[in-house]
N, C-alpha and C. Protein backbone atom coordinates (compact mmCIF):
# COMPACT_ATOMS: atom_id res chain seq x y z
N MET A 1 32.62 -71.00 79.70
CA MET A 1 31.49 -69.70 79.36
C MET A 1 30.46 -70.48 80.28
N HIS A 2 30.01 -71.89 79.92
CA HIS A 2 28.48 -72.17 80.17
C HIS A 2 29.03 -72.23 81.60
N HIS A 3 30.34 -73.17 81.95
CA HIS A 3 30.64 -73.98 83.12
C HIS A 3 31.04 -72.31 84.52
N LEU A 4 31.22 -71.64 83.80
CA LEU A 4 31.72 -70.62 84.67
C LEU A 4 30.41 -69.82 85.25
N ALA A 5 29.50 -69.47 84.42
CA ALA A 5 28.19 -69.05 84.86
C ALA A 5 27.62 -69.93 85.55
N ALA A 6 27.47 -70.89 85.28
CA ALA A 6 26.84 -72.19 86.40
C ALA A 6 27.27 -72.39 88.07
N PHE A 7 28.65 -71.87 87.99
CA PHE A 7 29.45 -71.80 89.16
C PHE A 7 29.01 -70.51 89.94
N ALA A 8 28.79 -69.12 89.34
CA ALA A 8 28.63 -68.45 89.16
C ALA A 8 26.62 -68.52 89.91
N LEU A 9 25.71 -69.42 88.82
CA LEU A 9 24.55 -69.58 89.88
C LEU A 9 24.57 -69.98 91.16
N VAL A 10 25.33 -71.34 91.39
CA VAL A 10 25.32 -71.92 92.40
C VAL A 10 25.92 -71.17 93.91
N ALA A 11 27.08 -70.06 93.70
CA ALA A 11 27.30 -69.25 94.54
C ALA A 11 26.19 -68.41 94.54
N GLY A 12 25.75 -67.67 93.73
CA GLY A 12 25.06 -66.81 94.20
C GLY A 12 23.34 -67.57 95.57
N LEU A 13 23.38 -68.63 95.07
CA LEU A 13 22.04 -69.25 95.89
C LEU A 13 22.36 -69.63 96.89
N ALA A 14 23.57 -69.88 97.12
CA ALA A 14 24.32 -70.37 98.39
C ALA A 14 24.73 -69.10 99.28
N LEU A 15 25.07 -68.18 98.89
CA LEU A 15 25.54 -66.28 99.24
C LEU A 15 24.12 -65.85 100.10
N GLU A 16 22.72 -66.30 98.93
CA GLU A 16 22.02 -65.97 99.48
C GLU A 16 21.44 -66.57 100.60
N MET A 17 21.42 -68.14 100.75
CA MET A 17 21.20 -68.70 102.00
C MET A 17 21.62 -68.74 102.77
N VAL A 18 22.87 -68.38 102.85
CA VAL A 18 23.70 -67.82 103.89
C VAL A 18 23.72 -66.52 105.10
N LEU A 19 22.89 -66.01 103.89
CA LEU A 19 22.26 -63.84 104.05
C LEU A 19 21.28 -64.40 104.84
N LEU A 20 20.22 -65.74 104.48
CA LEU A 20 19.07 -65.19 104.92
C LEU A 20 19.02 -65.87 106.21
N LYS A 21 20.43 -67.11 107.00
CA LYS A 21 20.15 -67.28 108.40
C LYS A 21 20.22 -66.32 109.01
N GLY A 22 20.96 -65.51 109.19
CA GLY A 22 20.79 -64.04 110.41
C GLY A 22 19.95 -63.59 110.24
N GLU A 23 19.85 -62.41 111.00
CA GLU A 23 19.00 -61.15 110.66
C GLU A 23 19.53 -59.92 109.45
N VAL A 24 18.04 -60.10 108.83
CA VAL A 24 18.31 -59.32 107.51
C VAL A 24 18.16 -57.63 108.22
N THR A 25 19.09 -56.98 108.25
CA THR A 25 19.48 -55.72 108.21
C THR A 25 18.87 -54.57 106.70
N LEU A 26 18.48 -53.69 106.97
CA LEU A 26 18.61 -52.60 105.70
C LEU A 26 20.15 -53.13 104.95
N GLN A 27 20.95 -52.65 104.75
CA GLN A 27 22.67 -53.11 104.17
C GLN A 27 22.48 -54.93 103.71
N GLY A 28 21.84 -55.80 104.72
CA GLY A 28 21.69 -57.37 103.84
C GLY A 28 20.67 -57.34 103.45
N ALA A 29 19.57 -56.49 103.41
CA ALA A 29 18.71 -56.82 102.24
C ALA A 29 19.18 -56.22 100.84
N ARG A 30 20.30 -55.00 101.12
CA ARG A 30 20.52 -54.39 99.44
C ARG A 30 21.83 -55.51 99.18
N ARG A 31 22.45 -56.06 99.93
CA ARG A 31 23.41 -57.12 99.92
C ARG A 31 22.87 -58.33 99.08
N LEU A 32 21.34 -58.56 99.73
CA LEU A 32 20.99 -59.64 98.96
C LEU A 32 20.33 -59.90 97.56
N GLN A 33 19.46 -58.22 97.45
CA GLN A 33 19.48 -57.63 96.43
C GLN A 33 20.43 -58.02 95.08
N ALA A 34 21.79 -57.49 95.61
CA ALA A 34 22.97 -57.39 94.67
C ALA A 34 23.47 -58.78 94.09
N ILE A 35 23.14 -60.03 95.54
CA ILE A 35 23.85 -61.07 95.06
C ILE A 35 23.05 -61.72 94.20
N ASP A 36 21.40 -61.36 94.48
CA ASP A 36 20.07 -61.57 93.32
C ASP A 36 20.49 -61.36 91.95
N ALA A 37 20.86 -60.16 92.00
CA ALA A 37 21.16 -59.52 90.38
C ALA A 37 22.14 -60.38 89.58
N LEU A 38 23.17 -60.84 90.80
CA LEU A 38 24.35 -61.67 90.14
C LEU A 38 24.02 -63.03 89.49
N TYR A 39 22.99 -64.10 90.36
CA TYR A 39 22.36 -64.54 90.10
C TYR A 39 21.68 -64.59 88.90
N GLY A 40 20.79 -63.73 88.92
CA GLY A 40 19.99 -63.83 87.83
C GLY A 40 20.69 -63.61 86.37
N ALA A 41 21.98 -62.75 86.20
CA ALA A 41 23.13 -62.47 85.54
C ALA A 41 23.43 -63.80 84.84
N SER A 42 23.69 -64.41 86.15
CA SER A 42 24.55 -65.48 85.51
C SER A 42 23.70 -66.56 85.26
N ALA A 43 22.31 -67.00 85.57
CA ALA A 43 21.05 -67.66 84.97
C ALA A 43 20.69 -67.41 83.52
N GLY A 44 21.16 -65.96 83.50
CA GLY A 44 20.68 -65.34 81.48
C GLY A 44 22.06 -65.97 81.32
N ILE A 45 22.85 -66.07 81.20
CA ILE A 45 24.46 -65.37 80.13
C ILE A 45 24.31 -67.48 80.78
N LEU A 46 24.09 -68.39 81.60
CA LEU A 46 24.00 -69.50 81.12
C LEU A 46 22.76 -70.56 80.32
N LEU A 47 21.65 -69.36 80.29
CA LEU A 47 20.41 -70.27 79.42
C LEU A 47 21.10 -69.83 77.89
N LEU A 48 22.04 -68.96 77.34
CA LEU A 48 21.98 -68.14 76.24
C LEU A 48 23.15 -69.08 75.69
N VAL A 49 24.07 -69.23 76.88
CA VAL A 49 25.28 -69.94 75.95
C VAL A 49 25.17 -71.22 75.87
N GLY A 50 23.76 -72.04 77.00
CA GLY A 50 23.33 -73.31 76.47
C GLY A 50 22.94 -73.43 75.36
N LEU A 51 22.06 -72.48 75.00
CA LEU A 51 21.30 -72.88 74.25
C LEU A 51 22.33 -72.46 72.76
N LEU A 52 23.30 -71.36 72.82
CA LEU A 52 24.30 -71.72 71.47
C LEU A 52 24.93 -73.42 70.86
N ARG A 53 24.63 -73.16 72.69
CA ARG A 53 25.85 -75.12 72.27
C ARG A 53 25.17 -75.48 71.97
N VAL A 54 23.82 -75.77 72.45
CA VAL A 54 22.44 -76.79 71.52
C VAL A 54 22.57 -76.76 70.11
N PHE A 55 22.43 -75.51 69.90
CA PHE A 55 22.08 -74.92 68.54
C PHE A 55 23.09 -74.72 67.83
N TYR A 56 23.93 -74.66 67.74
CA TYR A 56 25.62 -74.06 66.76
C TYR A 56 27.09 -75.07 67.35
N PHE A 57 26.84 -75.82 68.52
CA PHE A 57 28.32 -76.17 68.71
C PHE A 57 27.52 -77.49 69.27
N GLU A 58 28.90 -78.09 69.56
CA GLU A 58 28.37 -80.12 70.77
C GLU A 58 28.06 -80.58 69.28
N LYS A 59 27.02 -81.46 69.59
CA LYS A 59 26.27 -82.24 69.09
C LYS A 59 25.33 -82.04 68.46
N GLY A 60 24.63 -80.86 68.25
CA GLY A 60 23.94 -80.44 68.02
C GLY A 60 22.23 -80.50 68.35
N ALA A 61 21.04 -79.80 67.92
CA ALA A 61 19.86 -79.59 68.50
C ALA A 61 18.89 -81.14 68.63
N ALA A 62 19.49 -82.01 67.61
CA ALA A 62 18.55 -83.26 67.02
C ALA A 62 18.96 -83.62 68.42
N TYR A 63 20.58 -84.27 68.50
CA TYR A 63 20.74 -85.39 69.76
C TYR A 63 20.16 -84.73 70.83
N TYR A 64 20.38 -83.26 71.17
CA TYR A 64 19.57 -82.44 72.74
C TYR A 64 18.24 -82.69 73.33
N PHE A 65 17.77 -82.37 72.06
CA PHE A 65 15.94 -83.46 72.41
C PHE A 65 15.76 -84.21 71.94
N HIS A 66 16.73 -84.77 72.02
CA HIS A 66 16.55 -86.69 72.20
C HIS A 66 17.13 -87.25 73.45
N SER A 67 17.46 -86.28 74.43
CA SER A 67 17.74 -87.02 75.61
C SER A 67 16.78 -86.40 76.81
N ALA A 68 16.20 -87.96 77.33
CA ALA A 68 15.48 -87.59 78.77
C ALA A 68 15.84 -86.40 79.33
N PRO A 69 17.37 -86.76 80.41
CA PRO A 69 18.07 -85.43 81.17
C PRO A 69 18.07 -84.48 80.79
N PHE A 70 18.39 -84.42 78.92
CA PHE A 70 18.68 -82.21 78.86
C PHE A 70 17.34 -82.23 78.68
N ILE A 71 15.99 -82.59 78.52
CA ILE A 71 14.66 -81.53 79.02
C ILE A 71 14.36 -82.28 80.05
N ALA A 72 15.05 -82.89 80.82
CA ALA A 72 14.35 -83.31 82.40
C ALA A 72 15.19 -81.43 82.77
N LYS A 73 16.49 -81.22 82.30
CA LYS A 73 17.63 -79.99 82.53
C LYS A 73 16.78 -78.85 82.23
N LEU A 74 16.63 -78.78 81.05
CA LEU A 74 15.66 -77.86 80.61
C LEU A 74 14.19 -76.77 81.41
N VAL A 75 13.67 -77.98 82.00
CA VAL A 75 12.36 -77.85 82.48
C VAL A 75 12.58 -77.46 84.14
N LEU A 76 13.68 -78.04 84.32
CA LEU A 76 14.02 -77.75 86.32
C LEU A 76 15.08 -76.01 85.71
N PHE A 77 15.59 -75.72 84.86
CA PHE A 77 15.91 -74.67 84.96
C PHE A 77 14.89 -73.54 84.57
N VAL A 78 13.76 -73.72 83.82
CA VAL A 78 12.88 -73.02 83.76
C VAL A 78 11.92 -72.76 85.12
N ALA A 79 11.46 -74.33 85.93
CA ALA A 79 11.02 -73.45 86.87
C ALA A 79 11.65 -73.36 88.02
N VAL A 80 13.12 -73.05 88.06
CA VAL A 80 14.07 -72.39 89.05
C VAL A 80 14.01 -71.02 88.71
N GLY A 81 13.71 -70.98 87.48
CA GLY A 81 13.96 -69.47 87.37
C GLY A 81 12.74 -69.18 87.94
N LEU A 82 11.94 -69.65 87.90
CA LEU A 82 10.04 -68.97 87.43
C LEU A 82 10.08 -68.79 89.22
N LEU A 83 10.71 -69.61 89.99
CA LEU A 83 10.66 -69.90 91.37
C LEU A 83 11.81 -68.46 92.20
N SER A 84 12.47 -68.25 91.47
CA SER A 84 13.37 -66.81 91.62
C SER A 84 13.01 -65.80 91.59
N ILE A 85 11.28 -65.29 90.77
CA ILE A 85 10.65 -63.98 90.90
C ILE A 85 9.99 -63.88 92.17
N TYR A 86 9.77 -65.00 93.01
CA TYR A 86 9.68 -64.76 94.60
C TYR A 86 10.82 -64.01 95.51
N PRO A 87 12.01 -64.67 95.19
CA PRO A 87 12.69 -63.73 95.85
C PRO A 87 13.17 -62.73 95.40
N THR A 88 13.33 -62.85 94.13
CA THR A 88 13.63 -61.00 94.00
C THR A 88 12.53 -60.14 94.40
N VAL A 89 11.35 -60.58 93.99
CA VAL A 89 10.63 -59.15 94.34
C VAL A 89 10.91 -58.87 95.96
N THR A 90 10.80 -60.08 96.93
CA THR A 90 10.73 -59.68 98.11
C THR A 90 12.28 -58.81 98.90
N PHE A 91 13.28 -59.36 98.18
CA PHE A 91 14.74 -58.28 98.46
C PHE A 91 14.10 -57.05 97.37
N ARG A 92 14.00 -57.05 96.55
CA ARG A 92 13.50 -55.39 96.55
C ARG A 92 12.80 -54.90 97.63
N ARG A 93 11.33 -55.13 97.90
CA ARG A 93 10.83 -55.01 98.88
C ARG A 93 11.56 -54.17 99.75
N TRP A 94 12.17 -55.52 100.59
CA TRP A 94 12.98 -55.56 101.80
C TRP A 94 14.50 -54.28 101.92
N SER A 95 14.62 -53.94 101.08
CA SER A 95 15.81 -53.10 100.16
C SER A 95 15.27 -51.59 100.41
N ARG A 96 13.77 -51.63 100.56
CA ARG A 96 13.28 -50.56 100.73
C ARG A 96 12.78 -50.26 101.93
N GLN A 97 12.31 -51.14 102.39
CA GLN A 97 11.47 -51.48 104.12
C GLN A 97 11.91 -52.56 104.56
N PRO A 98 13.23 -52.32 105.38
CA PRO A 98 13.96 -53.25 106.34
C PRO A 98 12.98 -53.69 107.19
N THR A 99 11.69 -53.41 107.92
CA THR A 99 11.39 -54.59 108.63
C THR A 99 10.80 -55.78 107.57
N VAL A 100 11.37 -56.53 108.38
CA VAL A 100 11.56 -58.07 107.47
C VAL A 100 10.78 -59.29 108.69
N THR A 101 9.05 -60.08 108.22
CA THR A 101 8.86 -60.92 109.38
C THR A 101 9.50 -62.00 109.35
N GLN A 102 9.29 -62.71 110.20
CA GLN A 102 9.78 -64.65 110.66
C GLN A 102 9.14 -64.86 109.18
N ALA A 103 7.73 -65.03 108.97
CA ALA A 103 7.39 -65.23 108.23
C ALA A 103 7.64 -65.43 106.71
N SER A 104 8.11 -64.20 106.54
CA SER A 104 8.69 -63.47 105.13
C SER A 104 10.14 -64.12 104.98
N LEU A 105 10.71 -64.06 106.15
CA LEU A 105 12.10 -64.61 105.92
C LEU A 105 12.25 -66.24 105.75
N ARG A 106 10.86 -66.70 106.78
CA ARG A 106 11.08 -68.15 106.55
C ARG A 106 10.69 -69.02 105.16
N LYS A 107 10.03 -67.65 104.35
CA LYS A 107 8.91 -68.21 103.25
C LYS A 107 10.18 -67.54 102.02
N VAL A 108 10.91 -67.05 102.06
CA VAL A 108 11.98 -66.84 101.16
C VAL A 108 13.25 -67.58 101.24
N SER A 109 13.73 -68.21 102.69
CA SER A 109 14.34 -69.23 102.79
C SER A 109 13.97 -70.44 101.90
N THR A 110 13.21 -70.80 102.25
CA THR A 110 12.71 -71.97 101.80
C THR A 110 12.31 -72.30 100.11
N VAL A 111 12.09 -70.92 99.71
CA VAL A 111 12.33 -70.90 97.96
C VAL A 111 13.48 -70.76 97.60
N VAL A 112 14.40 -70.20 98.46
CA VAL A 112 15.81 -70.44 97.66
C VAL A 112 16.68 -71.65 98.23
N HIS A 113 15.90 -72.56 99.44
CA HIS A 113 16.52 -74.21 99.56
C HIS A 113 15.85 -75.22 98.19
N VAL A 114 14.86 -74.67 98.14
CA VAL A 114 14.02 -75.59 96.82
C VAL A 114 14.86 -75.51 95.29
N GLN A 115 15.38 -74.00 95.15
CA GLN A 115 15.94 -73.54 94.34
C GLN A 115 17.52 -74.29 94.31
N LEU A 116 17.65 -74.71 95.39
CA LEU A 116 19.29 -75.08 95.18
C LEU A 116 19.36 -76.03 95.16
N ALA A 117 17.93 -76.94 95.49
CA ALA A 117 17.65 -78.56 95.57
C ALA A 117 17.92 -78.80 93.86
N GLY A 118 17.19 -77.75 93.45
CA GLY A 118 16.48 -78.15 92.09
C GLY A 118 18.22 -77.89 91.16
N VAL A 119 19.05 -77.34 91.31
CA VAL A 119 20.12 -77.12 90.71
C VAL A 119 21.32 -78.24 90.76
N VAL A 120 21.20 -78.69 91.92
CA VAL A 120 21.45 -79.94 92.07
C VAL A 120 21.19 -81.17 91.47
N VAL A 121 19.85 -80.91 90.78
CA VAL A 121 19.14 -81.67 90.19
C VAL A 121 19.95 -82.24 88.76
N ILE A 122 19.49 -80.43 88.31
CA ILE A 122 20.03 -80.27 86.77
C ILE A 122 21.28 -80.67 86.76
N LEU A 123 22.57 -80.86 88.02
CA LEU A 123 24.02 -81.10 87.64
C LEU A 123 23.55 -82.56 87.91
N LEU A 124 22.69 -82.92 88.49
CA LEU A 124 22.54 -84.78 87.78
C LEU A 124 22.20 -85.00 86.96
N CYS A 125 21.22 -84.08 86.23
CA CYS A 125 20.77 -84.27 84.00
C CYS A 125 21.94 -84.03 83.31
N ALA A 126 22.87 -83.16 83.85
CA ALA A 126 24.15 -83.30 83.07
C ALA A 126 24.80 -83.82 83.54
N ALA A 127 25.28 -84.37 84.38
CA ALA A 127 26.42 -85.59 84.26
C ALA A 127 25.63 -86.94 83.96
N MET A 128 24.23 -87.00 83.22
CA MET A 128 23.19 -88.46 83.33
C MET A 128 23.72 -87.99 81.42
N MET A 129 23.67 -86.60 81.66
CA MET A 129 23.19 -86.76 79.67
C MET A 129 24.79 -86.55 79.61
N ALA A 130 25.82 -85.84 80.12
CA ALA A 130 27.37 -86.62 79.47
C ALA A 130 27.71 -87.74 78.76
N ARG A 131 27.32 -88.96 79.69
CA ARG A 131 27.20 -90.01 79.90
C ARG A 131 26.64 -90.93 78.79
N GLY A 132 25.68 -90.31 78.24
CA GLY A 132 24.30 -90.63 77.50
C GLY A 132 23.78 -91.43 77.33
N VAL A 133 23.26 -91.10 79.20
CA VAL A 133 22.04 -91.74 79.73
C VAL A 133 20.34 -91.17 79.17
N GLY A 134 19.42 -92.06 79.03
CA GLY A 134 18.33 -91.94 78.88
C GLY A 134 17.92 -90.86 76.68
N PHE A 135 19.02 -91.53 76.48
CA PHE A 135 18.58 -90.88 75.32
C PHE A 135 17.85 -91.84 74.31
N LEU A 136 16.78 -91.04 73.26
CA LEU A 136 15.57 -91.22 73.08
C LEU A 136 15.27 -91.55 71.67
N GLY A 137 16.87 -91.36 71.03
CA GLY A 137 16.25 -92.29 69.90
C GLY A 137 17.45 -93.11 69.28
C-alpha cells in the first residue's frame, strides 16, 4: 500500500506537470483539480501507512528516528506538502474562472516542478535509509 500510494503521488505530480505545459481551459482546470485531489489523497494515504509502518510494523520508531535519511525524508515530505497548497488553491480558482494568466501558469508550474524535485530527493533518502546509510545511533 505504501509503494502504491507513492507511485500514485508521483503520477499525479507528473500529470499536473504535463497538463500545465499546454493551454489551460476550463475543462483542463477541472482535470487539474481532479488530479490534484488524487495527489492529495495519495499523500494522505502515504503518510498514514508510513506512520503505521514506523510505529507498528517494520523496525520500530527508535530505529527510524535514528536515521538521518528518514528524518530528511519526513521533513521533505512536509515541505512538499506545504508547497502543494498553492497549486491546489490555484486549480480551484481556475476551475471557477477559466482566465489563466501566463504569470500564474508559470508560477504554478514552477511550484509543481519543485515538488517533483522534492519527491525525487525523498526517494533518494528512502534508498539510503533502506541501506542503513546515515544511521545516527
